[in-house]
Amino acid sequence: HNRLLEGFISSIEEADLMGKREEGIRVVLSGIVWEPPEIMDILDESGLKVVGDDLCVGWRYIDAD
């Protein structure tokens, strides 16, 4: 996972150099909500635009007929 994260960070830095950061890099988040929650602040400060998420927060809708 660290190698994937390093590659992701490199692509963000490249986009910043090419001026794409102003537009915002669109991402979809998936998985569990991670700790520490400050990671969300880091994503926000990096200029990413979260266009969707599929984060598991431990709650499911149960349809009872």
N, C-alpha and C. Protein backbone atom coordinates (compact mmCIF):
# COMPACT_ATOMS: atom_id res chain seq x y z
N HIS A 1 0.81 -1.19 0.00
CA HIS A 1 0.00 0.00 0.00
C HIS A 1 0.86 1.26 0.00
N ASN A 2 2.00 1.17 0.66
CA ASN A 2 2.86 2.35 0.69
C ASN A 2 3.35 2.74 -0.70
N ARG A 3 3.67 1.73 -1.53
CA ARG A 3 4.11 2.04 -2.89
C ARG A 3 2.99 2.70 -3.69
N LEU A 4 1.77 2.22 -3.52
CA LEU A 4 0.63 2.84 -4.21
C LEU A 4 0.44 4.28 -3.75
N LEU A 5 0.57 4.50 -2.45
CA LEU A 5 0.41 5.85 -1.91
C LEU A 5 1.51 6.77 -2.42
N GLU A 6 2.74 6.27 -2.49
CA GLU A 6 3.84 7.08 -3.01
C GLU A 6 3.59 7.46 -4.47
N GLY A 7 3.07 6.52 -5.26
CA GLY A 7 2.74 6.83 -6.65
C GLY A 7 1.63 7.86 -6.76
N PHE A 8 0.65 7.75 -5.87
CA PHE A 8 -0.47 8.69 -5.87
C PHE A 8 0.03 10.09 -5.52
N ILE A 9 0.89 10.18 -4.52
CA ILE A 9 1.43 11.49 -4.12
C ILE A 9 2.25 12.08 -5.26
N SER A 10 3.02 11.25 -5.96
CA SER A 10 3.80 11.73 -7.10
C SER A 10 2.90 12.28 -8.19
N SER A 11 1.78 11.61 -8.45
CA SER A 11 0.87 12.09 -9.50
C SER A 11 0.22 13.41 -9.10
N ILE A 12 -0.04 13.59 -7.81
CA ILE A 12 -0.59 14.87 -7.35
C ILE A 12 0.44 15.97 -7.56
N GLU A 13 1.70 15.69 -7.22
CA GLU A 13 2.75 16.69 -7.40
C GLU A 13 2.94 17.02 -8.87
N GLU A 14 2.87 16.03 -9.76
CA GLU A 14 2.97 16.27 -11.20
C GLU A 14 1.82 17.14 -11.68
N ALA A 15 0.63 16.86 -11.22
CA ALA A 15 -0.53 17.64 -11.63
C ALA A 15 -0.38 19.08 -11.18
N ASP A 16 0.21 19.28 -10.01
CA ASP A 16 0.43 20.63 -9.50
C ASP A 16 1.40 21.37 -10.42
N LEU A 17 2.44 20.67 -10.88
CA LEU A 17 3.42 21.29 -11.77
C LEU A 17 2.80 21.63 -13.12
N MET A 18 1.82 20.86 -13.57
CA MET A 18 1.19 21.10 -14.87
C MET A 18 0.00 22.05 -14.76
N GLY A 19 -0.26 22.58 -13.57
CA GLY A 19 -1.34 23.55 -13.40
C GLY A 19 -2.71 22.94 -13.25
N LYS A 20 -2.80 21.62 -13.14
CA LYS A 20 -4.11 20.98 -13.02
C LYS A 20 -4.67 21.06 -11.61
N ARG A 21 -3.83 21.41 -10.67
CA ARG A 21 -4.30 21.43 -9.29
C ARG A 21 -5.39 22.48 -9.09
N GLU A 22 -5.33 23.57 -9.84
CA GLU A 22 -6.35 24.61 -9.70
C GLU A 22 -7.73 24.05 -10.02
N GLU A 23 -7.80 23.16 -10.98
CA GLU A 23 -9.08 22.53 -11.33
C GLU A 23 -9.50 21.54 -10.27
N GLY A 24 -8.55 20.94 -9.62
CA GLY A 24 -8.83 19.92 -8.63
C GLY A 24 -8.80 18.54 -9.24
N ILE A 25 -8.10 17.64 -8.61
CA ILE A 25 -8.03 16.26 -9.07
C ILE A 25 -9.22 15.53 -8.49
N ARG A 26 -10.02 14.93 -9.35
CA ARG A 26 -11.24 14.24 -8.92
C ARG A 26 -10.92 12.83 -8.45
N VAL A 27 -11.42 12.47 -7.26
CA VAL A 27 -11.19 11.13 -6.71
C VAL A 27 -12.48 10.59 -6.12
N VAL A 28 -12.55 9.27 -6.05
CA VAL A 28 -13.63 8.58 -5.36
C VAL A 28 -12.98 7.80 -4.22
N LEU A 29 -13.48 7.99 -3.00
CA LEU A 29 -12.94 7.29 -1.84
C LEU A 29 -13.75 6.03 -1.58
N SER A 30 -13.06 4.96 -1.23
CA SER A 30 -13.73 3.70 -0.95
C SER A 30 -12.98 2.98 0.16
N GLY A 31 -13.71 2.27 0.99
CA GLY A 31 -13.09 1.51 2.07
C GLY A 31 -13.69 1.87 3.41
N ILE A 32 -12.85 1.77 4.44
CA ILE A 32 -13.31 2.11 5.78
C ILE A 32 -12.89 3.53 6.11
N VAL A 33 -13.56 4.13 7.06
CA VAL A 33 -13.15 5.45 7.54
C VAL A 33 -11.88 5.24 8.35
N TRP A 34 -10.84 5.98 8.04
CA TRP A 34 -9.54 5.72 8.63
C TRP A 34 -9.27 6.63 9.82
N GLU A 35 -8.30 6.23 10.58
CA GLU A 35 -7.80 7.01 11.70
C GLU A 35 -6.39 7.45 11.36
N PRO A 36 -5.98 8.61 11.72
CA PRO A 36 -6.71 9.68 12.37
C PRO A 36 -7.56 10.44 11.36
N PRO A 37 -8.62 11.07 11.83
CA PRO A 37 -9.51 11.78 10.91
C PRO A 37 -8.85 12.98 10.23
N GLU A 38 -7.70 13.41 10.72
CA GLU A 38 -7.00 14.54 10.09
C GLU A 38 -6.56 14.21 8.66
N ILE A 39 -6.59 12.93 8.30
CA ILE A 39 -6.26 12.55 6.92
C ILE A 39 -7.22 13.24 5.96
N MET A 40 -8.47 13.40 6.37
CA MET A 40 -9.44 14.11 5.52
C MET A 40 -8.99 15.55 5.29
N ASP A 41 -8.43 16.19 6.31
CA ASP A 41 -7.93 17.56 6.17
C ASP A 41 -6.77 17.61 5.17
N ILE A 42 -5.90 16.60 5.23
CA ILE A 42 -4.77 16.54 4.30
C ILE A 42 -5.27 16.43 2.87
N LEU A 43 -6.27 15.58 2.64
CA LEU A 43 -6.84 15.45 1.30
C LEU A 43 -7.45 16.77 0.83
N ASP A 44 -8.13 17.45 1.73
CA ASP A 44 -8.76 18.73 1.40
C ASP A 44 -7.71 19.78 1.05
N GLU A 45 -6.67 19.86 1.86
CA GLU A 45 -5.62 20.86 1.63
C GLU A 45 -4.82 20.58 0.37
N SER A 46 -4.79 19.32 -0.07
CA SER A 46 -4.02 18.96 -1.26
C SER A 46 -4.72 19.38 -2.55
N GLY A 47 -5.97 19.82 -2.45
CA GLY A 47 -6.69 20.27 -3.63
C GLY A 47 -7.50 19.20 -4.31
N LEU A 48 -7.63 18.04 -3.69
CA LEU A 48 -8.44 16.98 -4.27
C LEU A 48 -9.92 17.33 -4.19
N LYS A 49 -10.67 16.89 -5.17
CA LYS A 49 -12.13 17.05 -5.14
C LYS A 49 -12.74 15.67 -5.04
N VAL A 50 -13.34 15.38 -3.91
CA VAL A 50 -13.98 14.09 -3.71
C VAL A 50 -15.33 14.15 -4.42
N VAL A 51 -15.48 13.35 -5.47
CA VAL A 51 -16.71 13.37 -6.26
C VAL A 51 -17.65 12.24 -5.87
N GLY A 52 -17.19 11.36 -4.99
CA GLY A 52 -18.04 10.28 -4.51
C GLY A 52 -17.31 9.49 -3.45
N ASP A 53 -18.09 8.76 -2.66
CA ASP A 53 -17.44 7.90 -1.68
C ASP A 53 -18.30 6.67 -1.42
N ASP A 54 -17.62 5.65 -1.02
CA ASP A 54 -18.25 4.39 -0.65
C ASP A 54 -17.61 3.94 0.66
N LEU A 55 -17.60 4.85 1.63
CA LEU A 55 -16.93 4.59 2.89
C LEU A 55 -17.86 3.83 3.84
N CYS A 56 -17.31 2.80 4.44
CA CYS A 56 -18.06 2.00 5.41
C CYS A 56 -17.96 2.69 6.77
N VAL A 57 -19.09 3.07 7.29
CA VAL A 57 -19.10 3.74 8.60
C VAL A 57 -19.74 2.87 9.67
N GLY A 58 -19.99 1.61 9.35
CA GLY A 58 -20.52 0.67 10.35
C GLY A 58 -22.02 0.71 10.52
N TRP A 59 -22.74 1.32 9.59
CA TRP A 59 -24.19 1.39 9.68
C TRP A 59 -24.77 0.85 8.38
N ARG A 60 -25.77 0.01 8.48
CA ARG A 60 -26.44 -0.52 7.29
C ARG A 60 -27.94 -0.33 7.45
N TYR A 61 -28.57 -0.04 6.35
CA TYR A 61 -30.02 0.09 6.34
C TYR A 61 -30.61 -1.31 6.25
N ILE A 62 -31.44 -1.64 7.18
CA ILE A 62 -32.09 -2.95 7.18
C ILE A 62 -33.57 -2.73 6.87
N ASP A 63 -34.02 -3.31 5.78
CA ASP A 63 -35.41 -3.17 5.36
C ASP A 63 -36.22 -4.29 6.00
N ALA A 64 -37.08 -3.93 6.92
CA ALA A 64 -37.92 -4.94 7.59
C ALA A 64 -39.36 -4.78 7.11
N ASP A 65 -39.85 -5.77 6.41
CA ASP A 65 -41.23 -5.72 5.90
C ASP A 65 -42.19 -6.18 6.96
